[in-house]
C-alpha cells in the first residue's frame, strides 16, 4: 500500500497546471461573432470557488467546512477542503476550455457529460494510480476544475467516480 500524504495533494494537483496553455478558444455565440475573452469570462470572474459548496455538502463528502486557499498560480484561484480520507479542491480558470486542455500531457483525458455539459475526466501525467482525479467542467466561458486526492492510493476506491458524482450534484449552480 502506497501512502499519498497531504503534501502530495498540492504537488499532484499542481501538475494539472502543466496542461494549461492559458489560451482561450473563441466560440460562436450564435449571432455570427465570437465573444471576446472579457465578455465570456465576466460570469466566471464573479464566481467564488471558496464559497461554492454548501456546508452540508462538504460534510456529506467527508471533508471540513473550512476552506483553505488553493491558488497555486494567479490565473487559477481556488480553495481546498480537507478530510480524513481525501481532500477536494475547486478552482476556476477564465482562459482555458475543455477543448484546450485536451492538448496537454495527461495519463487520461476522457470526454464525459456533467449536468448536461460537455466536460472531461483528467488524470495528470504521472498521476495514474495515485488516488487523484480531476473533473473539468465548462463554466462562464472558462472552466472549473473539481479535484479529489485520496491520502492513500486506496483510501477512495474510485476517485474519478467520486469527484464526478460531486460535480454532477453541484455543476448546475456554475455560471453558464
Protein backbone atom coordinates (compact mmCIF):
# COMPACT_ATOMS: atom_id res chain seq x y z
CA UNK A 1 0.00 0.00 0.00
CA UNK A 2 1.46 3.36 -1.02
CA UNK A 3 0.95 6.41 1.14
CA UNK A 4 -0.27 9.59 -0.58
CA UNK A 5 0.39 12.30 2.05
CA UNK A 6 -1.44 15.62 2.25
CA UNK A 7 1.63 17.48 0.98
CA UNK A 8 1.45 15.45 -2.21
CA UNK A 9 -2.05 16.82 -2.84
CA UNK A 10 -0.69 20.20 -3.86
CA UNK A 11 2.03 18.58 -5.94
CA UNK A 12 -0.33 16.22 -7.78
CA UNK A 13 -2.98 18.82 -8.37
CA UNK A 14 -0.32 21.38 -9.24
CA UNK A 15 0.82 19.09 -12.01
CA UNK A 16 -2.54 19.71 -13.63
CA UNK A 17 -1.21 23.14 -14.47
CA UNK A 18 1.26 21.56 -16.90
CA UNK A 19 -1.57 21.04 -19.38
CA UNK A 20 -2.82 24.61 -19.11
CA UNK A 21 -1.83 26.72 -22.07
CA UNK A 22 -3.58 29.95 -20.96
CA UNK A 23 -5.11 30.30 -24.42
CA UNK A 24 -8.87 30.66 -24.71
CA UNK A 25 -10.59 29.36 -27.82
CA UNK A 26 -13.24 31.63 -29.36
CA UNK A 27 -16.71 30.18 -29.60
CA UNK A 28 -19.51 31.42 -31.82
CA UNK A 29 -22.31 33.00 -29.78
CA UNK A 30 -24.93 32.18 -32.44
CA UNK A 31 -25.03 35.76 -33.73
CA UNK A 32 -22.10 35.20 -36.07
CA UNK A 33 -19.48 36.85 -33.89
CA UNK A 34 -17.35 35.26 -31.22
CA UNK A 35 -17.49 37.00 -27.84
CA UNK A 36 -14.28 38.47 -26.52
CA UNK A 37 -12.44 36.76 -23.68
CA UNK A 38 -13.57 39.55 -21.39
CA UNK A 39 -17.23 39.03 -22.30
CA UNK A 40 -17.04 35.25 -21.99
CA UNK A 41 -15.33 35.25 -18.62
CA UNK A 42 -17.40 38.01 -16.97
CA UNK A 43 -19.65 35.49 -15.19
CA UNK A 44 -16.73 33.28 -14.21
CA UNK A 45 -14.79 36.31 -12.94
CA UNK A 46 -17.56 36.87 -10.37
CA UNK A 47 -17.64 33.19 -9.36
CA UNK A 48 -16.01 32.39 -5.98
CA UNK A 49 -14.87 28.75 -5.74
CA UNK A 50 -14.28 29.17 -1.99
CA UNK A 51 -17.95 29.80 -1.20
CA UNK A 52 -19.49 27.49 -3.83
CA UNK A 53 -20.13 24.37 -1.74
CA UNK A 54 -22.81 24.38 0.93
CA UNK A 55 -21.64 23.30 4.41
CA UNK A 56 -23.95 20.27 4.39
CA UNK A 57 -22.50 19.18 1.03
CA UNK A 58 -18.95 19.37 2.36
CA UNK A 59 -19.92 17.39 5.45
CA UNK A 60 -21.56 14.71 3.28
CA UNK A 61 -18.33 14.42 1.24
CA UNK A 62 -16.38 13.77 4.45
CA UNK A 63 -14.35 16.99 4.35
CA UNK A 64 -14.11 20.06 6.55
CA UNK A 65 -16.43 23.01 6.02
CA UNK A 66 -13.40 25.29 6.40
CA UNK A 67 -11.98 26.35 3.02
CA UNK A 68 -8.22 26.71 2.60
CA UNK A 69 -6.64 28.74 -0.18
CA UNK A 70 -5.61 26.54 -3.11
CA UNK A 71 -4.30 29.12 -5.56
CA UNK A 72 -1.09 27.66 -6.98
CA UNK A 73 -0.93 30.22 -9.80
CA UNK A 74 -2.70 33.58 -10.03
CA UNK A 75 -4.75 32.68 -13.12
CA UNK A 76 -6.33 29.64 -11.43
CA UNK A 77 -7.67 30.64 -8.00
CA UNK A 78 -9.45 28.18 -5.77
CA UNK A 79 -9.89 26.54 -2.41
CA UNK A 80 -9.45 23.08 -0.88
CA UNK A 81 -11.28 21.24 1.88
CA UNK A 82 -9.52 18.54 3.90
CA UNK A 83 -10.98 15.27 5.14
CA UNK A 84 -9.75 12.12 6.87
CA UNK A 85 -9.59 10.02 3.69
CA UNK A 86 -9.35 12.67 0.99
CA UNK A 87 -9.15 16.33 0.07
CA UNK A 88 -11.28 18.04 -2.52
CA UNK A 89 -10.48 21.30 -4.29
CA UNK A 90 -12.31 23.64 -6.63
CA UNK A 91 -10.53 26.06 -8.95
CA UNK A 92 -11.57 28.29 -11.82
CA UNK A 93 -9.66 29.27 -14.94
CA UNK A 94 -11.07 32.00 -17.19
CA UNK A 95 -8.67 31.34 -20.07
CA UNK A 96 -8.93 27.60 -20.66
CA UNK A 97 -11.67 25.43 -22.15
CA UNK A 98 -12.38 21.70 -22.05
CA UNK A 99 -11.06 21.59 -25.64
CA UNK A 100 -7.83 23.50 -24.96
CA UNK A 101 -6.90 21.28 -22.00
CA UNK A 102 -7.19 18.16 -24.14
CA UNK A 103 -3.97 19.14 -25.93
CA UNK A 104 -1.90 18.87 -22.74
CA UNK A 105 0.02 15.89 -21.36
CA UNK A 106 -2.21 13.58 -19.32
CA UNK A 107 -2.38 9.97 -18.25
CA UNK A 108 -6.09 10.18 -19.08
CA UNK A 109 -8.34 12.77 -20.70
CA UNK A 110 -11.81 11.36 -21.34
CA UNK A 111 -14.84 13.33 -22.52
CA UNK A 112 -17.86 12.94 -20.22
CA UNK A 113 -21.13 14.74 -19.53
CA UNK A 114 -21.62 16.51 -16.21
CA UNK A 115 -25.04 18.11 -15.57
CA UNK A 116 -25.60 18.18 -19.33
CA UNK A 117 -22.30 19.98 -20.02
CA UNK A 118 -19.53 18.63 -22.26
CA UNK A 119 -16.88 18.02 -19.61
CA UNK A 120 -13.81 15.82 -19.12
CA UNK A 121 -12.18 13.41 -16.70
CA UNK A 122 -8.49 14.22 -16.32
CA UNK A 123 -5.66 12.39 -14.61
CA UNK A 124 -2.46 14.41 -14.79
CA UNK A 125 0.69 12.98 -16.34
CA UNK A 126 2.27 10.67 -13.78
CA UNK A 127 -0.88 10.68 -11.67
CA UNK A 128 -2.39 7.33 -12.69
CA UNK A 129 -2.96 5.14 -9.66
CA UNK A 130 -2.13 7.82 -7.07
CA UNK A 131 -5.69 8.22 -5.79
CA UNK A 132 -6.42 11.54 -7.51
CA UNK A 133 -8.68 12.71 -10.30
CA UNK A 134 -9.92 15.98 -11.81
CA UNK A 135 -13.28 16.72 -13.43
CA UNK A 136 -13.14 19.66 -15.84
CA UNK A 137 -16.49 21.44 -16.34
CA UNK A 138 -17.13 24.39 -18.69
CA UNK A 139 -18.44 27.45 -16.87
CA UNK A 140 -18.89 31.11 -17.75
CA UNK A 141 -16.62 30.98 -20.80
CA UNK A 142 -13.81 29.16 -18.98
CA UNK A 143 -13.58 26.06 -16.82
CA UNK A 144 -13.99 24.91 -13.25
CA UNK A 145 -11.79 22.08 -12.01
CA UNK A 146 -13.22 19.73 -9.37
CA UNK A 147 -10.30 17.84 -7.85
CA UNK A 148 -10.05 14.91 -5.47
CA UNK A 149 -6.96 13.46 -3.87
CA UNK A 150 -7.04 10.44 -1.57
CA UNK A 151 -4.45 10.33 1.19
CA UNK A 152 -3.50 6.81 0.20
CA UNK A 153 -3.88 5.10 -3.15
CA UNK A 154 -6.79 3.03 -1.95
CA UNK A 155 -8.39 5.44 0.53
CA UNK A 156 -11.01 6.25 -2.14
CA UNK A 157 -11.95 3.21 -4.21
CA UNK A 158 -12.91 5.21 -7.32
CA UNK A 159 -11.51 8.78 -7.17
CA UNK A 160 -12.83 9.74 -10.62
CA UNK A 161 -16.27 8.32 -9.90
CA UNK A 162 -16.39 10.12 -6.55
CA UNK A 163 -15.40 13.57 -7.89
CA UNK A 164 -17.69 13.15 -10.90
CA UNK A 165 -20.57 12.42 -8.51
CA UNK A 166 -19.79 15.64 -6.60
CA UNK A 167 -19.60 17.60 -9.86
CA UNK A 168 -22.85 16.10 -11.13
CA UNK A 169 -24.63 17.11 -7.91
CA UNK A 170 -23.40 20.72 -7.97
CA UNK A 171 -22.44 21.80 -11.52
CA UNK A 172 -25.92 23.13 -12.29
CA UNK A 173 -25.05 26.06 -9.98
CA UNK A 174 -21.95 27.02 -12.01
CA UNK A 175 -22.11 30.05 -14.33
CA UNK A 176 -23.36 29.22 -17.82
